[in-house]
C-alpha atoms as a PDB file:
ATOM      1  CA  UNK A   1      60.672-138.541-100.294  1.00  0.00           C
ATOM      2  CA  UNK A   2      63.733-137.572 -98.311  1.00  0.00           C
ATOM      3  CA  UNK A   3      66.496-135.759 -99.073  1.00  0.00           C
ATOM      4  CA  UNK A   4      68.989-138.216 -97.852  1.00  0.00           C
ATOM      5  CA  UNK A   5      71.823-136.220 -99.009  1.00  0.00           C
ATOM      6  CA  UNK A   6      70.668-133.287 -97.038  1.00  0.00           C
ATOM      7  CA  UNK A   7      69.904-135.697 -94.132  1.00  0.00           C
ATOM      8  CA  UNK A   8      73.537-136.878 -94.306  1.00  0.00           C
ATOM      9  CA  UNK A   9      75.062-133.484 -94.401  1.00  0.00           C
ATOM     10  CA  UNK A  10      72.967-132.428 -91.407  1.00  0.00           C
ATOM     11  CA  UNK A  11      74.386-135.295 -89.468  1.00  0.00           C
ATOM     12  CA  UNK A  12      77.681-134.738 -90.240  1.00  0.00           C
ATOM     13  CA  UNK A  13      77.736-131.118 -89.898  1.00  0.00           C
ATOM     14  CA  UNK A  14      75.711-131.926 -86.380  1.00  0.00           C
ATOM     15  CA  UNK A  15      78.324-134.347 -85.321  1.00  0.00           C
ATOM     16  CA  UNK A  16      81.444-132.368 -86.316  1.00  0.00           C
ATOM     17  CA  UNK A  17      80.162-129.134 -84.115  1.00  0.00           C
ATOM     18  CA  UNK A  18      79.449-131.622 -81.230  1.00  0.00           C
ATOM     19  CA  UNK A  19      82.614-132.812 -81.043  1.00  0.00           C
ATOM     20  CA  UNK A  20      84.604-129.624 -82.065  1.00  0.00           C
ATOM     21  CA  UNK A  21      82.309-128.171 -79.022  1.00  0.00           C
ATOM     22  CA  UNK A  22      83.736-130.998 -76.592  1.00  0.00           C
ATOM     23  CA  UNK A  23      86.991-129.436 -77.219  1.00  0.00           C
ATOM     24  CA  UNK A  24      86.009-126.081 -76.722  1.00  0.00           C
ATOM     25  CA  UNK A  25      83.689-126.092 -74.127  1.00  0.00           C
ATOM     26  CA  UNK A  26      85.561-127.803 -71.738  1.00  0.00           C
ATOM     27  CA  UNK A  27      88.023-125.446 -70.854  1.00  0.00           C
ATOM     28  CA  UNK A  28      85.801-122.382 -71.325  1.00  0.00           C
ATOM     29  CA  UNK A  29      83.341-124.496 -68.778  1.00  0.00           C
ATOM     30  CA  UNK A  30      86.222-124.799 -66.444  1.00  0.00           C
ATOM     31  CA  UNK A  31      87.816-121.168 -66.317  1.00  0.00           C
ATOM     32  CA  UNK A  32      83.982-120.133 -65.877  1.00  0.00           C
ATOM     33  CA  UNK A  33      83.009-122.517 -63.202  1.00  0.00           C
ATOM     34  CA  UNK A  34      86.579-122.135 -61.215  1.00  0.00           C
ATOM     35  CA  UNK A  35      88.025-118.478 -62.601  1.00  0.00           C
ATOM     36  CA  UNK A  36      87.910-115.145 -60.135  1.00  0.00           C
ATOM     37  CA  UNK A  37      88.547-112.922 -62.567  1.00  0.00           C
ATOM     38  CA  UNK A  38      86.552-110.179 -62.022  1.00  0.00           C
ATOM     39  CA  UNK A  39      85.326-109.747 -66.152  1.00  0.00           C
ATOM     40  CA  UNK A  40      83.881-113.395 -65.481  1.00  0.00           C
ATOM     41  CA  UNK A  41      80.805-112.190 -66.005  1.00  0.00           C
ATOM     42  CA  UNK A  42      81.844-110.890 -69.527  1.00  0.00           C
ATOM     43  CA  UNK A  43      82.792-113.894 -70.509  1.00  0.00           C
ATOM     44  CA  UNK A  44      79.635-115.429 -69.628  1.00  0.00           C
ATOM     45  CA  UNK A  45      77.625-113.064 -71.479  1.00  0.00           C
ATOM     46  CA  UNK A  46      79.390-113.042 -74.617  1.00  0.00           C
ATOM     47  CA  UNK A  47      79.286-117.147 -74.377  1.00  0.00           C
ATOM     48  CA  UNK A  48      75.530-116.816 -73.708  1.00  0.00           C
ATOM     49  CA  UNK A  49      74.768-114.655 -76.367  1.00  0.00           C
ATOM     50  CA  UNK A  50      73.489-116.739 -79.386  1.00  0.00           C
ATOM     51  CA  UNK A  51      70.861-117.695 -76.657  1.00  0.00           C
ATOM     52  CA  UNK A  52      68.721-114.410 -77.116  1.00  0.00           C
ATOM     53  CA  UNK A  53      70.078-113.038 -80.414  1.00  0.00           C
ATOM     54  CA  UNK A  54      67.669-113.397 -83.334  1.00  0.00           C
ATOM     55  CA  UNK A  55      69.484-116.184 -85.262  1.00  0.00           C
ATOM     56  CA  UNK A  56      69.206-113.338 -88.061  1.00  0.00           C
ATOM     57  CA  UNK A  57      71.295-110.901 -86.500  1.00  0.00           C
ATOM     58  CA  UNK A  58      73.959-113.358 -85.718  1.00  0.00           C
ATOM     59  CA  UNK A  59      74.006-114.710 -88.928  1.00  0.00           C
ATOM     60  CA  UNK A  60      74.213-111.477 -90.847  1.00  0.00           C
ATOM     61  CA  UNK A  61      77.111-110.621 -88.485  1.00  0.00           C
ATOM     62  CA  UNK A  62      78.970-114.038 -89.279  1.00  0.00           C
ATOM     63  CA  UNK A  63      78.207-113.278 -92.747  1.00  0.00           C
ATOM     64  CA  UNK A  64      80.064-110.388 -93.017  1.00  0.00           C
ATOM     65  CA  UNK A  65      82.814-111.501 -90.902  1.00  0.00           C
ATOM     66  CA  UNK A  66      83.412-114.470 -93.120  1.00  0.00           C
ATOM     67  CA  UNK A  67      82.565-112.461 -96.538  1.00  0.00           C
ATOM     68  CA  UNK A  68      85.625-111.685 -98.922  1.00  0.00           C
ATOM     69  CA  UNK A  69      85.796-108.088 -97.599  1.00  0.00           C
ATOM     70  CA  UNK A  70      86.949-109.436 -93.845  1.00  0.00           C
ATOM     71  CA  UNK A  71      90.116-110.063 -92.767  1.00  0.00           C
ATOM     72  CA  UNK A  72      89.340-113.414 -92.124  1.00  0.00           C
ATOM     73  CA  UNK A  73      87.510-114.347 -95.327  1.00  0.00           C
ATOM     74  CA  UNK A  74      90.437-113.226 -97.137  1.00  0.00           C
ATOM     75  CA  UNK A  75      92.957-115.275 -95.282  1.00  0.00           C
ATOM     76  CA  UNK A  76      90.594-118.186 -95.731  1.00  0.00           C
ATOM     77  CA  UNK A  77      90.448-117.835 -99.322  1.00  0.00           C
ATOM     78  CA  UNK A  78      94.087-117.118 -99.639  1.00  0.00           C
ATOM     79  CA  UNK A  79      94.831-120.471 -97.909  1.00  0.00           C
ATOM     80  CA  UNK A  80      91.997-122.725 -99.701  1.00  0.00           C
ATOM     81  CA  UNK A  81      91.023-120.778-102.700  1.00  0.00           C
ATOM     82  CA  UNK A  82      87.427-120.727-101.717  1.00  0.00           C
ATOM     83  CA  UNK A  83      85.531-118.615-100.060  1.00  0.00           C
ATOM     84  CA  UNK A  84      84.230-119.034 -96.108  1.00  0.00           C
ATOM     85  CA  UNK A  85      80.556-117.652 -96.701  1.00  0.00           C
ATOM     86  CA  UNK A  86      78.174-120.334 -98.440  1.00  0.00           C
ATOM     87  CA  UNK A  87      80.543-123.327 -97.866  1.00  0.00           C
ATOM     88  CA  UNK A  88      80.681-126.118 -95.504  1.00  0.00           C
ATOM     89  CA  UNK A  89      83.204-124.697 -93.450  1.00  0.00           C
ATOM     90  CA  UNK A  90      80.999-121.950 -92.657  1.00  0.00           C
ATOM     91  CA  UNK A  91      78.460-123.567 -91.319  1.00  0.00           C
ATOM     92  CA  UNK A  92      81.169-125.682 -89.094  1.00  0.00           C
ATOM     93  CA  UNK A  93      82.185-122.593 -87.794  1.00  0.00           C
ATOM     94  CA  UNK A  94      79.162-120.473 -87.453  1.00  0.00           C
ATOM     95  CA  UNK A  95      77.391-123.248 -85.958  1.00  0.00           C
ATOM     96  CA  UNK A  96      80.214-123.726 -83.566  1.00  0.00           C
ATOM     97  CA  UNK A  97      79.525-120.421 -82.271  1.00  0.00           C
ATOM     98  CA  UNK A  98      75.885-120.174 -82.384  1.00  0.00           C
ATOM     99  CA  UNK A  99      75.894-123.750 -80.624  1.00  0.00           C
ATOM    100  CA  UNK A 100      78.616-122.501 -78.118  1.00  0.00           C
ATOM    101  CA  UNK A 101      76.320-122.105 -75.400  1.00  0.00           C
ATOM    102  CA  UNK A 102      74.258-125.505 -75.561  1.00  0.00           C
ATOM    103  CA  UNK A 103      77.768-127.172 -74.402  1.00  0.00           C
ATOM    104  CA  UNK A 104      79.516-124.670 -72.238  1.00  0.00           C
ATOM    105  CA  UNK A 105      76.750-123.765 -69.834  1.00  0.00           C
ATOM    106  CA  UNK A 106      75.521-127.719 -69.124  1.00  0.00           C
ATOM    107  CA  UNK A 107      79.259-128.487 -68.722  1.00  0.00           C
ATOM    108  CA  UNK A 108      80.005-124.833 -66.191  1.00  0.00           C
ATOM    109  CA  UNK A 109      76.991-126.353 -64.296  1.00  0.00           C
ATOM    110  CA  UNK A 110      77.826-130.152 -63.494  1.00  0.00           C
ATOM    111  CA  UNK A 111      81.522-128.734 -62.767  1.00  0.00           C
ATOM    112  CA  UNK A 112      79.606-126.277 -60.453  1.00  0.00           C
ATOM    113  CA  UNK A 113      78.234-129.686 -58.596  1.00  0.00           C
ATOM    114  CA  UNK A 114      81.429-131.072 -57.875  1.00  0.00           C
ATOM    115  CA  UNK A 115      81.897-131.294 -54.235  1.00  0.00           C
ATOM    116  CA  UNK A 116      84.929-128.582 -53.438  1.00  0.00           C
ATOM    117  CA  UNK A 117      86.087-130.944 -50.691  1.00  0.00           C
ATOM    118  CA  UNK A 118      86.951-133.532 -53.233  1.00  0.00           C
ATOM    119  CA  UNK A 119      89.021-130.658 -55.270  1.00  0.00           C
ATOM    120  CA  UNK A 120      91.004-129.181 -52.359  1.00  0.00           C
ATOM    121  CA  UNK A 121      91.565-132.981 -51.156  1.00  0.00           C
ATOM    122  CA  UNK A 122      93.166-133.662 -54.415  1.00  0.00           C
ATOM    123  CA  UNK A 123      95.529-130.534 -54.146  1.00  0.00           C
ATOM    124  CA  UNK A 124      96.199-131.362 -50.491  1.00  0.00           C
ATOM    125  CA  UNK A 125      97.894-134.945 -51.909  1.00  0.00           C
ATOM    126  CA  UNK A 126      99.598-133.186 -54.905  1.00  0.00           C
ATOM    127  CA  UNK A 127      97.627-133.544 -58.015  1.00  0.00           C
ATOM    128  CA  UNK A 128      97.711-130.681 -60.429  1.00  0.00           C
ATOM    129  CA  UNK A 129      94.282-129.352 -62.049  1.00  0.00           C
ATOM    130  CA  UNK A 130      95.065-131.389 -64.669  1.00  0.00           C
ATOM    131  CA  UNK A 131      94.998-134.340 -63.435  1.00  0.00           C
ATOM    132  CA  UNK A 132      92.274-133.399 -60.881  1.00  0.00           C
ATOM    133  CA  UNK A 133      89.984-132.538 -63.700  1.00  0.00           C
ATOM    134  CA  UNK A 134      90.545-135.745 -65.429  1.00  0.00           C
ATOM    135  CA  UNK A 135      90.535-137.794 -62.644  1.00  0.00           C
ATOM    136  CA  UNK A 136      87.301-135.974 -60.503  1.00  0.00           C
ATOM    137  CA  UNK A 137      85.776-133.255 -62.473  1.00  0.00           C
ATOM    138  CA  UNK A 138      84.922-135.046 -65.409  1.00  0.00           C
ATOM    139  CA  UNK A 139      83.890-138.895 -64.249  1.00  0.00           C
ATOM    140  CA  UNK A 140      81.588-136.632 -61.491  1.00  0.00           C
ATOM    141  CA  UNK A 141      80.370-134.428 -64.518  1.00  0.00           C
ATOM    142  CA  UNK A 142      79.117-137.045 -67.420  1.00  0.00           C
ATOM    143  CA  UNK A 143      75.607-136.447 -66.863  1.00  0.00           C
ATOM    144  CA  UNK A 144      76.206-132.623 -67.659  1.00  0.00           C
ATOM    145  CA  UNK A 145      78.668-133.217 -70.254  1.00  0.00           C
ATOM    146  CA  UNK A 146      76.422-136.198 -72.146  1.00  0.00           C
ATOM    147  CA  UNK A 147      73.729-133.345 -71.975  1.00  0.00           C
ATOM    148  CA  UNK A 148      75.706-130.790 -73.002  1.00  0.00           C
ATOM    149  CA  UNK A 149      76.853-132.957 -76.139  1.00  0.00           C
ATOM    150  CA  UNK A 150      73.117-133.702 -77.090  1.00  0.00           C
ATOM    151  CA  UNK A 151      71.933-130.417 -76.532  1.00  0.00           C
ATOM    152  CA  UNK A 152      74.366-129.358 -79.253  1.00  0.00           C
ATOM    153  CA  UNK A 153      73.854-132.023 -81.564  1.00  0.00           C
ATOM    154  CA  UNK A 154      70.022-131.268 -81.357  1.00  0.00           C
ATOM    155  CA  UNK A 155      70.385-127.796 -81.778  1.00  0.00           C
ATOM    156  CA  UNK A 156      72.590-128.081 -84.788  1.00  0.00           C
ATOM    157  CA  UNK A 157      70.136-130.504 -86.309  1.00  0.00           C
ATOM    158  CA  UNK A 158      67.621-127.909 -86.018  1.00  0.00           C
ATOM    159  CA  UNK A 159      69.905-124.814 -87.218  1.00  0.00           C
ATOM    160  CA  UNK A 160      67.663-122.925 -89.436  1.00  0.00           C
ATOM    161  CA  UNK A 161      68.443-119.108 -89.556  1.00  0.00           C
ATOM    162  CA  UNK A 162      71.998-118.903 -89.014  1.00  0.00           C
ATOM    163  CA  UNK A 163      72.680-121.770 -91.600  1.00  0.00           C
ATOM    164  CA  UNK A 164      70.632-119.962 -94.523  1.00  0.00           C
ATOM    165  CA  UNK A 165      72.136-116.732 -93.569  1.00  0.00           C
ATOM    166  CA  UNK A 166      75.708-118.034 -93.960  1.00  0.00           C
ATOM    167  CA  UNK A 167      75.257-121.015 -96.103  1.00  0.00           C
ATOM    168  CA  UNK A 168      72.190-120.316 -98.503  1.00  0.00           C
ATOM    169  CA  UNK A 169      70.729-123.431-100.256  1.00  0.00           C
ATOM    170  CA  UNK A 170      73.355-125.145-102.273  1.00  0.00           C
ATOM    171  CA  UNK A 171      72.423-128.572-102.360  1.00  0.00           C
ATOM    172  CA  UNK A 172      75.378-131.012-101.446  1.00  0.00           C
ATOM    173  CA  UNK A 173      77.183-128.598 -99.731  1.00  0.00           C
ATOM    174  CA  UNK A 174      75.358-126.279 -97.527  1.00  0.00           C
ATOM    175  CA  UNK A 175      71.778-127.568 -98.134  1.00  0.00           C
ATOM    176  CA  UNK A 176      70.590-128.985 -94.624  1.00  0.00           C
ATOM    177  CA  UNK A 177      67.267-130.737 -93.312  1.00  0.00           C
ATOM    178  CA  UNK A 178      65.427-127.521 -92.365  1.00  0.00           C
ATOM    179  CA  UNK A 179      65.897-125.489 -95.042  1.00  0.00           C
ATOM    180  CA  UNK A 180      64.820-128.486 -97.274  1.00  0.00           C
ATOM    181  CA  UNK A 181      61.861-129.089 -94.960  1.00  0.00           C
ATOM    182  CA  UNK A 182      61.471-124.835 -95.566  1.00  0.00           C
ATOM    183  CA  UNK A 183      61.330-125.339 -99.104  1.00  0.00           C
ATOM    184  CA  UNK A 184      59.220-128.235 -99.892  1.00  0.00           C
ATOM    185  CA  UNK A 185      56.861-126.091 -97.664  1.00  0.00           C
ATOM    186  CA  UNK A 186      57.562-123.094 -99.698  1.00  0.00           C
ATOM    187  CA  UNK A 187      57.089-125.566-102.813  1.00  0.00           C
ATOM    188  CA  UNK A 188      53.332-126.299-101.359  1.00  0.00           C
ATOM    189  CA  UNK A 189      54.886-129.924-101.199  1.00  0.00           C
ATOM    190  CA  UNK A 190      53.673-130.616 -97.961  1.00  0.00           C
ATOM    191  CA  UNK A 191      53.300-134.139 -98.231  1.00  0.00           C
ATOM    192  CA  UNK A 192      56.955-134.377 -98.518  1.00  0.00           C
ATOM    193  CA  UNK A 193      57.731-131.923 -96.154  1.00  0.00           C
ATOM    194  CA  UNK A 194      55.637-133.709 -93.530  1.00  0.00           C
ATOM    195  CA  UNK A 195      57.814-137.230 -94.233  1.00  0.00           C
ATOM    196  CA  UNK A 196      60.814-134.984 -93.749  1.00  0.00           C
ATOM    197  CA  UNK A 197      59.833-133.364 -90.487  1.00  0.00           C
ATOM    198  CA  UNK A 198      58.239-137.071 -89.060  1.00  0.00           C
ATOM    199  CA  UNK A 199      61.593-138.534 -90.119  1.00  0.00           C
ATOM    200  CA  UNK A 200      63.437-135.506 -87.950  1.00  0.00           C
ATOM    201  CA  UNK A 201      60.817-135.919 -85.273  1.00  0.00           C
ATOM    202  CA  UNK A 202      61.424-139.281 -84.247  1.00  0.00           C
ATOM    203  CA  UNK A 203      65.209-138.962 -84.853  1.00  0.00           C
ATOM    204  CA  UNK A 204      65.220-136.294 -82.151  1.00  0.00           C
ATOM    205  CA  UNK A 205      63.025-138.445 -79.463  1.00  0.00           C
ATOM    206  CA  UNK A 206      65.065-141.314 -80.112  1.00  0.00           C
ATOM    207  CA  UNK A 207      68.492-139.165 -79.148  1.00  0.00           C
ATOM    208  CA  UNK A 208      66.560-138.021 -76.043  1.00  0.00           C
ATOM    209  CA  UNK A 209      64.928-140.890 -75.146  1.00  0.00           C
ATOM    210  CA  UNK A 210      68.796-142.580 -75.338  1.00  0.00           C
ATOM    211  CA  UNK A 211      70.118-139.667 -73.625  1.00  0.00           C
ATOM    212  CA  UNK A 212      67.725-139.953 -70.671  1.00  0.00           C
ATOM    213  CA  UNK A 213      68.066-143.727 -70.407  1.00  0.00           C
ATOM    214  CA  UNK A 214      72.073-143.213 -70.413  1.00  0.00           C
ATOM    215  CA  UNK A 215      71.746-140.690 -67.758  1.00  0.00           C
ATOM    216  CA  UNK A 216      69.600-142.901 -65.674  1.00  0.00           C
ATOM    217  CA  UNK A 217      72.178-145.449 -65.768  1.00  0.00           C
ATOM    218  CA  UNK A 218      75.039-143.811 -64.774  1.00  0.00           C
ATOM    219  CA  UNK A 219      73.605-142.098 -61.897  1.00  0.00           C
ATOM    220  CA  UNK A 220      72.963-145.562 -60.987  1.00  0.00           C
ATOM    221  CA  UNK A 221      76.362-147.058 -61.059  1.00  0.00           C
ATOM    222  CA  UNK A 222      77.536-143.622 -59.702  1.00  0.00           C
ATOM    223  CA  UNK A 223      74.532-142.756 -56.712  1.00  0.00           C
ATOM    224  CA  UNK A 224      76.649-139.420 -56.047  1.00  0.00           C
ATOM    225  CA  UNK A 225      74.602-138.014 -52.818  1.00  0.00           C
END
């Protein structure tokens, strides 16, 4: 039987992380794409680090950073009366860090594909960088933005190592669907694990089908060449 509590928590986590990374990822991707700073490659390396770091390594350092012995952990505990590690808030913050490159890289790639002549024309006509971004760059980058959001959402839904390290396995608080599947396999409940895994597989397929279909419609409306 599917653990609907774990499923609900997972979808809530993925939605919050995707929304947060839309806000965080857009300015970061803009800076990476258009900045002339010599140290830009260092920022790109930092953003992309979660792609190659083993989840247990990243999870361990996040656990240390969120712990009650760290400045961040003590500040959060003094503010809320609760620990940041092994909490839903800790899962959200850790997932944002872990999924950052899955949002920023597609965003940056879509920004880089925008014709520079359009940006130059906008500047000549007196438009501010902010107006150019929202009126030209964002509309022309919609497929990349959708891709980044969906990759972030799907990646968060499937998280295991980082979630387990910083959140543990607390029902209703940090127990996500991937941890539920792992626990059922460990307990020998293969039929229940298979049922949950199939539901997650179907959900992932429907999400990807929607994204590809939406991108095709967008390109049909905006056939940029």
